[in-house]
PDB file of all heavy atoms in Angstrom:
ATOM      1  N   PRO A   1      25.841  16.050  39.672  1.00  0.00           N
ATOM      2  CA  PRO A   1      25.511  17.333  39.047  1.00  0.00           C
ATOM      3  C   PRO A   1      24.023  17.641  39.150  1.00  0.00           C
ATOM      4  O   PRO A   1      23.204  16.784  39.473  1.00  0.00           O
ATOM      5  CB  PRO A   1      25.917  17.106  37.590  1.00  0.00           C
ATOM      6  CG  PRO A   1      25.662  15.644  37.382  1.00  0.00           C
ATOM      7  CD  PRO A   1      25.993  14.971  38.699  1.00  0.00           C
ATOM      8  N   THR A   2      23.688  18.898  38.867  1.00  0.00           N
ATOM      9  CA  THR A   2      22.287  19.288  38.767  1.00  0.00           C
ATOM     10  C   THR A   2      21.759  18.818  37.424  1.00  0.00           C
ATOM     11  O   THR A   2      22.332  19.113  36.383  1.00  0.00           O
ATOM     12  CB  THR A   2      22.141  20.806  38.876  1.00  0.00           C
ATOM     13  OG1 THR A   2      22.655  21.238  40.128  1.00  0.00           O
ATOM     14  CG2 THR A   2      20.683  21.217  38.767  1.00  0.00           C
ATOM     15  N   MET A   3      20.672  18.038  37.459  1.00  0.00           N
ATOM     16  CA  MET A   3      20.129  17.517  36.210  1.00  0.00           C
ATOM     17  C   MET A   3      18.608  17.567  36.260  1.00  0.00           C
ATOM     18  O   MET A   3      18.003  17.701  37.319  1.00  0.00           O
ATOM     19  CB  MET A   3      20.624  16.092  35.964  1.00  0.00           C
ATOM     20  CG  MET A   3      20.228  15.090  37.040  1.00  0.00           C
ATOM     21  SD  MET A   3      20.950  13.441  36.755  1.00  0.00           S
ATOM     22  CE  MET A   3      22.642  13.723  37.287  1.00  0.00           C
ATOM     23  N   GLN A   4      18.004  17.476  35.094  1.00  0.00           N
ATOM     24  CA  GLN A   4      16.554  17.555  34.973  1.00  0.00           C
ATOM     25  C   GLN A   4      15.968  16.237  34.498  1.00  0.00           C
ATOM     26  O   GLN A   4      16.593  15.516  33.717  1.00  0.00           O
ATOM     27  CB  GLN A   4      16.158  18.661  33.989  1.00  0.00           C
ATOM     28  CG  GLN A   4      16.392  20.067  34.484  1.00  0.00           C
ATOM     29  CD  GLN A   4      15.990  21.104  33.470  1.00  0.00           C
ATOM     30  OE1 GLN A   4      15.984  20.836  32.258  1.00  0.00           O
ATOM     31  NE2 GLN A   4      15.655  22.302  33.915  1.00  0.00           N
ATOM     32  N   SER A   5      14.755  15.955  34.979  1.00  0.00           N
ATOM     33  CA  SER A   5      13.986  14.822  34.485  1.00  0.00           C
ATOM     34  C   SER A   5      13.010  15.322  33.429  1.00  0.00           C
ATOM     35  O   SER A   5      12.635  16.495  33.418  1.00  0.00           O
ATOM     36  CB  SER A   5      13.231  14.154  35.629  1.00  0.00           C
ATOM     37  OG  SER A   5      12.349  13.156  35.138  1.00  0.00           O
ATOM     38  N   ALA A   6      12.600  14.434  32.545  1.00  0.00           N
ATOM     39  CA  ALA A   6      11.656  14.818  31.493  1.00  0.00           C
ATOM     40  C   ALA A   6      10.221  14.819  31.984  1.00  0.00           C
ATOM     41  O   ALA A   6       9.328  15.287  31.273  1.00  0.00           O
ATOM     42  CB  ALA A   6      11.794  13.886  30.298  1.00  0.00           C
ATOM     43  N   PHE A   7       9.967  14.293  33.190  1.00  0.00           N
ATOM     44  CA  PHE A   7       8.579  14.223  33.659  1.00  0.00           C
ATOM     45  C   PHE A   7       8.487  14.579  35.138  1.00  0.00           C
ATOM     46  O   PHE A   7       9.475  14.562  35.876  1.00  0.00           O
ATOM     47  CB  PHE A   7       8.000  12.824  33.426  1.00  0.00           C
ATOM     48  CG  PHE A   7       8.640  11.749  34.256  1.00  0.00           C
ATOM     49  CD1 PHE A   7       8.139  11.428  35.519  1.00  0.00           C
ATOM     50  CD2 PHE A   7       9.745  11.061  33.786  1.00  0.00           C
ATOM     51  CE1 PHE A   7       8.732  10.447  36.294  1.00  0.00           C
ATOM     52  CE2 PHE A   7      10.342  10.074  34.554  1.00  0.00           C
ATOM     53  CZ  PHE A   7       9.838   9.765  35.805  1.00  0.00           C
ATOM     54  N   ILE A   8       7.288  14.892  35.566  1.00  0.00           N
ATOM     55  CA  ILE A   8       6.980  15.153  36.965  1.00  0.00           C
ATOM     56  C   ILE A   8       5.705  14.389  37.323  1.00  0.00           C
ATOM     57  O   ILE A   8       4.993  13.886  36.447  1.00  0.00           O
ATOM     58  CB  ILE A   8       6.811  16.667  37.242  1.00  0.00           C
ATOM     59  CG1 ILE A   8       5.745  17.281  36.310  1.00  0.00           C
ATOM     60  CG2 ILE A   8       8.126  17.393  37.080  1.00  0.00           C
ATOM     61  CD1 ILE A   8       4.393  17.389  36.904  1.00  0.00           C
ATOM     62  N   LEU A   9       5.409  14.312  38.605  1.00  0.00           N
ATOM     63  CA  LEU A   9       4.143  13.753  39.073  1.00  0.00           C
ATOM     64  C   LEU A   9       3.298  14.920  39.572  1.00  0.00           C
ATOM     65  O   LEU A   9       3.616  15.531  40.601  1.00  0.00           O
ATOM     66  CB  LEU A   9       4.370  12.738  40.189  1.00  0.00           C
ATOM     67  CG  LEU A   9       4.995  11.403  39.770  1.00  0.00           C
ATOM     68  CD1 LEU A   9       5.235  10.528  41.000  1.00  0.00           C
ATOM     69  CD2 LEU A   9       4.091  10.674  38.776  1.00  0.00           C
ATOM     70  N   PRO A  10       2.242  15.274  38.858  1.00  0.00           N
ATOM     71  CA  PRO A  10       1.407  16.394  39.296  1.00  0.00           C
ATOM     72  C   PRO A  10       0.823  16.120  40.687  1.00  0.00           C
ATOM     73  O   PRO A  10       0.601  14.962  41.059  1.00  0.00           O
ATOM     74  CB  PRO A  10       0.300  16.434  38.235  1.00  0.00           C
ATOM     75  CG  PRO A  10       0.864  15.723  37.057  1.00  0.00           C
ATOM     76  CD  PRO A  10       1.755  14.668  37.612  1.00  0.00           C
ATOM     77  N   PRO A  11       0.577  17.154  41.476  1.00  0.00           N
ATOM     78  CA  PRO A  11       0.088  16.955  42.851  1.00  0.00           C
ATOM     79  C   PRO A  11      -1.315  16.376  42.913  1.00  0.00           C
ATOM     80  O   PRO A  11      -1.703  15.824  43.942  1.00  0.00           O
ATOM     81  CB  PRO A  11       0.142  18.365  43.446  1.00  0.00           C
ATOM     82  CG  PRO A  11       0.068  19.277  42.262  1.00  0.00           C
ATOM     83  CD  PRO A  11       0.796  18.570  41.160  1.00  0.00           C
ATOM     84  N   ASP A  12      -2.086  16.473  41.822  1.00  0.00           N
ATOM     85  CA  ASP A  12      -3.472  16.014  41.883  1.00  0.00           C
ATOM     86  C   ASP A  12      -3.696  14.657  41.221  1.00  0.00           C
ATOM     87  O   ASP A  12      -4.831  14.207  41.099  1.00  0.00           O
ATOM     88  CB  ASP A  12      -4.402  17.045  41.247  1.00  0.00           C
ATOM     89  CG  ASP A  12      -3.984  17.405  39.832  1.00  0.00           C
ATOM     90  OD1 ASP A  12      -2.918  16.923  39.367  1.00  0.00           O
ATOM     91  OD2 ASP A  12      -4.723  18.167  39.179  1.00  0.00           O
ATOM     92  N   ARG A  13      -2.603  14.000  40.771  1.00  0.00           N
ATOM     93  CA  ARG A  13      -2.754  12.653  40.210  1.00  0.00           C
ATOM     94  C   ARG A  13      -1.393  11.965  40.152  1.00  0.00           C
ATOM     95  O   ARG A  13      -0.351  12.627  40.105  1.00  0.00           O
ATOM     96  CB  ARG A  13      -3.424  12.684  38.836  1.00  0.00           C
ATOM     97  CG  ARG A  13      -2.691  13.462  37.775  1.00  0.00           C
ATOM     98  CD  ARG A  13      -3.573  13.553  36.532  1.00  0.00           C
ATOM     99  NE  ARG A  13      -4.796  14.313  36.840  1.00  0.00           N
ATOM    100  CZ  ARG A  13      -5.943  14.117  36.206  1.00  0.00           C
ATOM    101  NH1 ARG A  13      -6.052  13.185  35.270  1.00  0.00           N
ATOM    102  NH2 ARG A  13      -7.007  14.856  36.501  1.00  0.00           N
ATOM    103  N   ASN A  14      -1.389  10.643  40.138  1.00  0.00           N
ATOM    104  CA  ASN A  14      -0.158   9.862  40.219  1.00  0.00           C
ATOM    105  C   ASN A  14       0.229   9.303  38.850  1.00  0.00           C
ATOM    106  O   ASN A  14       0.661   8.159  38.736  1.00  0.00           O
ATOM    107  CB  ASN A  14      -0.329   8.714  41.228  1.00  0.00           C
ATOM    108  CG  ASN A  14       1.012   8.121  41.630  1.00  0.00           C
ATOM    109  OD1 ASN A  14       2.017   8.826  41.672  1.00  0.00           O
ATOM    110  ND2 ASN A  14       1.025   6.827  41.916  1.00  0.00           N
ATOM    111  N   VAL A  15       0.063  10.084  37.805  1.00  0.00           N
ATOM    112  CA  VAL A  15       0.417   9.691  36.445  1.00  0.00           C
ATOM    113  C   VAL A  15       1.523  10.619  35.947  1.00  0.00           C
ATOM    114  O   VAL A  15       1.377  11.847  36.020  1.00  0.00           O
ATOM    115  CB  VAL A  15      -0.807   9.782  35.506  1.00  0.00           C
ATOM    116  CG1 VAL A  15      -0.415   9.408  34.076  1.00  0.00           C
ATOM    117  CG2 VAL A  15      -1.911   8.870  36.001  1.00  0.00           C
ATOM    118  N   PRO A  16       2.647  10.076  35.470  1.00  0.00           N
ATOM    119  CA  PRO A  16       3.736  10.936  34.991  1.00  0.00           C
ATOM    120  C   PRO A  16       3.264  11.894  33.904  1.00  0.00           C
ATOM    121  O   PRO A  16       2.548  11.496  32.982  1.00  0.00           O
ATOM    122  CB  PRO A  16       4.765   9.941  34.452  1.00  0.00           C
ATOM    123  CG  PRO A  16       4.472   8.659  35.153  1.00  0.00           C
ATOM    124  CD  PRO A  16       2.981   8.637  35.351  1.00  0.00           C
ATOM    125  N   LEU A  17       3.659  13.133  34.030  1.00  0.00           N
ATOM    126  CA  LEU A  17       3.369  14.144  33.026  1.00  0.00           C
ATOM    127  C   LEU A  17       4.693  14.623  32.450  1.00  0.00           C
ATOM    128  O   LEU A  17       5.528  15.182  33.168  1.00  0.00           O
ATOM    129  CB  LEU A  17       2.608  15.317  33.638  1.00  0.00           C
ATOM    130  CG  LEU A  17       2.289  16.482  32.683  1.00  0.00           C
ATOM    131  CD1 LEU A  17       1.382  16.005  31.542  1.00  0.00           C
ATOM    132  CD2 LEU A  17       1.649  17.644  33.450  1.00  0.00           C
ATOM    133  N   PHE A  18       4.909  14.383  31.158  1.00  0.00           N
ATOM    134  CA  PHE A  18       6.165  14.763  30.511  1.00  0.00           C
ATOM    135  C   PHE A  18       6.113  16.239  30.115  1.00  0.00           C
ATOM    136  O   PHE A  18       5.102  16.721  29.585  1.00  0.00           O
ATOM    137  CB  PHE A  18       6.420  13.876  29.296  1.00  0.00           C
ATOM    138  CG  PHE A  18       6.862  12.491  29.675  1.00  0.00           C
ATOM    139  CD1 PHE A  18       5.927  11.527  30.033  1.00  0.00           C
ATOM    140  CD2 PHE A  18       8.210  12.166  29.710  1.00  0.00           C
ATOM    141  CE1 PHE A  18       6.324  10.255  30.405  1.00  0.00           C
ATOM    142  CE2 PHE A  18       8.614  10.899  30.082  1.00  0.00           C
ATOM    143  CZ  PHE A  18       7.675   9.941  30.435  1.00  0.00           C
ATOM    144  N   ILE A  19       7.224  16.913  30.402  1.00  0.00           N
ATOM    145  CA  ILE A  19       7.284  18.369  30.253  1.00  0.00           C
ATOM    146  C   ILE A  19       8.311  18.739  29.183  1.00  0.00           C
ATOM    147  O   ILE A  19       9.455  18.249  29.222  1.00  0.00           O
ATOM    148  CB  ILE A  19       7.689  19.043  31.582  1.00  0.00           C
ATOM    149  CG1 ILE A  19       6.845  18.503  32.748  1.00  0.00           C
ATOM    150  CG2 ILE A  19       7.577  20.556  31.474  1.00  0.00           C
ATOM    151  CD1 ILE A  19       5.381  18.820  32.663  1.00  0.00           C
ATOM    152  N   PRO A  20       7.980  19.596  28.226  1.00  0.00           N
ATOM    153  CA  PRO A  20       8.974  20.084  27.261  1.00  0.00           C
ATOM    154  C   PRO A  20      10.130  20.783  27.977  1.00  0.00           C
ATOM    155  O   PRO A  20       9.967  21.330  29.072  1.00  0.00           O
ATOM    156  CB  PRO A  20       8.183  21.067  26.394  1.00  0.00           C
ATOM    157  CG  PRO A  20       6.760  20.617  26.530  1.00  0.00           C
ATOM    158  CD  PRO A  20       6.637  20.110  27.932  1.00  0.00           C
ATOM    159  N   ARG A  21      11.281  20.774  27.361  1.00  0.00           N
ATOM    160  CA  ARG A  21      12.506  21.251  27.996  1.00  0.00           C
ATOM    161  C   ARG A  21      12.392  22.658  28.559  1.00  0.00           C
ATOM    162  O   ARG A  21      12.846  22.938  29.677  1.00  0.00           O
ATOM    163  CB  ARG A  21      13.655  21.202  26.969  1.00  0.00           C
ATOM    164  CG  ARG A  21      15.000  21.696  27.499  1.00  0.00           C
ATOM    165  CD  ARG A  21      16.045  21.711  26.397  1.00  0.00           C
ATOM    166  NE  ARG A  21      15.662  22.588  25.313  1.00  0.00           N
ATOM    167  CZ  ARG A  21      15.897  23.892  25.291  1.00  0.00           C
ATOM    168  NH1 ARG A  21      16.490  24.474  26.316  1.00  0.00           N
ATOM    169  NH2 ARG A  21      15.533  24.627  24.258  1.00  0.00           N
ATOM    170  N   ARG A  22      11.787  23.570  27.828  1.00  0.00           N
ATOM    171  CA  ARG A  22      11.760  24.969  28.262  1.00  0.00           C
ATOM    172  C   ARG A  22      10.859  25.210  29.467  1.00  0.00           C
ATOM    173  O   ARG A  22      10.897  26.290  30.056  1.00  0.00           O
ATOM    174  CB  ARG A  22      11.342  25.863  27.102  1.00  0.00           C
ATOM    175  CG  ARG A  22      12.379  25.903  25.976  1.00  0.00           C
ATOM    176  CD  ARG A  22      11.957  26.863  24.888  1.00  0.00           C
ATOM    177  NE  ARG A  22      12.961  26.951  23.832  1.00  0.00           N
ATOM    178  CZ  ARG A  22      12.849  27.706  22.742  1.00  0.00           C
ATOM    179  NH1 ARG A  22      11.754  28.449  22.590  1.00  0.00           N
ATOM    180  NH2 ARG A  22      13.803  27.729  21.831  1.00  0.00           N
ATOM    181  N   SER A  23      10.038  24.233  29.831  1.00  0.00           N
ATOM    182  CA  SER A  23       9.134  24.406  30.971  1.00  0.00           C
ATOM    183  C   SER A  23       9.533  23.567  32.180  1.00  0.00           C
ATOM    184  O   SER A  23       8.788  23.506  33.160  1.00  0.00           O
ATOM    185  CB  SER A  23       7.701  24.046  30.546  1.00  0.00           C
ATOM    186  OG  SER A  23       7.238  24.898  29.520  1.00  0.00           O
ATOM    187  N   ARG A  24      10.680  22.923  32.138  1.00  0.00           N
ATOM    188  CA  ARG A  24      11.042  22.006  33.224  1.00  0.00           C
ATOM    189  C   ARG A  24      11.470  22.710  34.506  1.00  0.00           C
ATOM    190  O   ARG A  24      11.610  22.083  35.539  1.00  0.00           O
ATOM    191  CB  ARG A  24      12.154  21.058  32.752  1.00  0.00           C
ATOM    192  CG  ARG A  24      11.663  20.038  31.741  1.00  0.00           C
ATOM    193  CD  ARG A  24      12.765  19.194  31.158  1.00  0.00           C
ATOM    194  NE  ARG A  24      12.232  18.368  30.072  1.00  0.00           N
ATOM    195  CZ  ARG A  24      12.992  17.765  29.156  1.00  0.00           C
ATOM    196  NH1 ARG A  24      14.315  17.896  29.200  1.00  0.00           N
ATOM    197  NH2 ARG A  24      12.427  17.039  28.204  1.00  0.00           N
ATOM    198  N   GLN A  25      11.693  24.011  34.426  1.00  0.00           N
ATOM    199  CA  GLN A  25      12.027  24.753  35.636  1.00  0.00           C
ATOM    200  C   GLN A  25      10.788  25.088  36.455  1.00  0.00           C
ATOM    201  O   GLN A  25      10.886  25.537  37.610  1.00  0.00           O
ATOM    202  CB  GLN A  25      12.802  26.038  35.293  1.00  0.00           C
ATOM    203  CG  GLN A  25      11.943  27.174  34.758  1.00  0.00           C
ATOM    204  CD  GLN A  25      11.553  26.992  33.295  1.00  0.00           C
ATOM    205  OE1 GLN A  25      11.932  26.012  32.658  1.00  0.00           O
ATOM    206  NE2 GLN A  25      10.812  27.958  32.756  1.00  0.00           N
ATOM    207  N   VAL A  26       9.599  24.875  35.885  1.00  0.00           N
ATOM    208  CA  VAL A  26       8.337  25.147  36.591  1.00  0.00           C
ATOM    209  C   VAL A  26       8.101  24.041  37.620  1.00  0.00           C
ATOM    210  O   VAL A  26       8.188  22.858  37.289  1.00  0.00           O
ATOM    211  CB  VAL A  26       7.160  25.209  35.603  1.00  0.00           C
ATOM    212  CG1 VAL A  26       5.855  25.453  36.343  1.00  0.00           C
ATOM    213  CG2 VAL A  26       7.406  26.298  34.551  1.00  0.00           C
ATOM    214  N   PRO A  27       7.836  24.384  38.891  1.00  0.00           N
ATOM    215  CA  PRO A  27       7.657  23.354  39.928  1.00  0.00           C
ATOM    216  C   PRO A  27       6.454  22.466  39.649  1.00  0.00           C
ATOM    217  O   PRO A  27       5.482  22.871  38.993  1.00  0.00           O
ATOM    218  CB  PRO A  27       7.477  24.169  41.205  1.00  0.00           C
ATOM    219  CG  PRO A  27       7.031  25.520  40.747  1.00  0.00           C
ATOM    220  CD  PRO A  27       7.695  25.746  39.433  1.00  0.00           C
ATOM    221  N   ALA A  28       6.493  21.251  40.186  1.00  0.00           N
ATOM    222  CA  ALA A  28       5.418  20.277  39.958  1.00  0.00           C
ATOM    223  C   ALA A  28       4.078  20.790  40.459  1.00  0.00           C
ATOM    224  O   ALA A  28       3.023  20.480  39.884  1.00  0.00           O
ATOM    225  CB  ALA A  28       5.773  18.953  40.634  1.00  0.00           C
ATOM    226  N   GLU A  29       4.083  21.596  41.534  1.00  0.00           N
ATOM    227  CA  GLU A  29       2.839  22.100  42.098  1.00  0.00           C
ATOM    228  C   GLU A  29       2.050  22.957  41.118  1.00  0.00           C
ATOM    229  O   GLU A  29       0.839  23.136  41.259  1.00  0.00           O
ATOM    230  CB  GLU A  29       3.126  22.910  43.364  1.00  0.00           C
ATOM    231  CG  GLU A  29       3.683  22.095  44.522  1.00  0.00           C
ATOM    232  CD  GLU A  29       5.146  21.717  44.337  1.00  0.00           C
ATOM    233  OE1 GLU A  29       5.805  22.347  43.472  1.00  0.00           O
ATOM    234  OE2 GLU A  29       5.616  20.796  45.021  1.00  0.00           O
ATOM    235  N   ALA A  30       2.745  23.509  40.113  1.00  0.00           N
ATOM    236  CA  ALA A  30       2.075  24.404  39.174  1.00  0.00           C
ATOM    237  C   ALA A  30       1.262  23.658  38.120  1.00  0.00           C
ATOM    238  O   ALA A  30       0.441  24.262  37.428  1.00  0.00           O
ATOM    239  CB  ALA A  30       3.107  25.295  38.481  1.00  0.00           C
ATOM    240  N   TRP A  31       1.480  22.347  38.005  1.00  0.00           N
ATOM    241  CA  TRP A  31       0.846  21.599  36.917  1.00  0.00           C
ATOM    242  C   TRP A  31      -0.476  20.945  37.352  1.00  0.00           C
ATOM    243  O   TRP A  31      -0.815  19.855  36.916  1.00  0.00           O
ATOM    244  CB  TRP A  31       1.810  20.556  36.364  1.00  0.00           C
ATOM    245  CG  TRP A  31       3.037  21.159  35.744  1.00  0.00           C
ATOM    246  CD1 TRP A  31       4.271  21.262  36.318  1.00  0.00           C
ATOM    247  CD2 TRP A  31       3.121  21.778  34.467  1.00  0.00           C
ATOM    248  NE1 TRP A  31       5.138  21.899  35.467  1.00  0.00           N
ATOM    249  CE2 TRP A  31       4.455  22.232  34.315  1.00  0.00           C
ATOM    250  CE3 TRP A  31       2.217  22.009  33.425  1.00  0.00           C
ATOM    251  CZ2 TRP A  31       4.904  22.892  33.181  1.00  0.00           C
ATOM    252  CZ3 TRP A  31       2.665  22.659  32.282  1.00  0.00           C
ATOM    253  CH2 TRP A  31       3.994  23.090  32.172  1.00  0.00           C
ATOM    254  N   ARG A  32      -1.218  21.607  38.206  1.00  0.00           N
ATOM    255  CA  ARG A  32      -2.548  21.125  38.586  1.00  0.00           C
ATOM    256  C   ARG A  32      -3.535  21.307  37.429  1.00  0.00           C
ATOM    257  O   ARG A  32      -3.317  22.121  36.533  1.00  0.00           O
ATOM    258  CB  ARG A  32      -3.058  21.880  39.814  1.00  0.00           C
ATOM    259  CG  ARG A  32      -2.225  21.669  41.075  1.00  0.00           C
ATOM    260  CD  ARG A  32      -2.773  22.502  42.218  1.00  0.00           C
ATOM    261  NE  ARG A  32      -1.984  22.325  43.433  1.00  0.00           N
ATOM    262  CZ  ARG A  32      -2.192  21.369  44.320  1.00  0.00           C
ATOM    263  NH1 ARG A  32      -3.177  20.486  44.124  1.00  0.00           N
ATOM    264  NH2 ARG A  32      -1.442  21.282  45.403  1.00  0.00           N
ATOM    265  N   GLN A  33      -4.607  20.565  37.510  1.00  0.00           N
ATOM    266  CA  GLN A  33      -5.630  20.681  36.479  1.00  0.00           C
ATOM    267  C   GLN A  33      -6.242  22.080  36.500  1.00  0.00           C
ATOM    268  O   GLN A  33      -6.462  22.667  37.546  1.00  0.00           O
ATOM    269  CB  GLN A  33      -6.721  19.632  36.679  1.00  0.00           C
ATOM    270  CG  GLN A  33      -7.788  19.642  35.588  1.00  0.00           C
ATOM    271  CD  GLN A  33      -8.617  18.383  35.578  1.00  0.00           C
ATOM    272  OE1 GLN A  33      -8.152  17.333  35.988  1.00  0.00           O
ATOM    273  NE2 GLN A  33      -9.853  18.488  35.107  1.00  0.00           N
TER     274      GLN A  33
END
């Protein structure tokens, strides 16, 4: 099934960034500093 993870790896660093549920549809590329 289609499922979501609670975290992403931002493109500018290799540290997991946990995302609240309502923002998980935002692509990882958007979470730059």
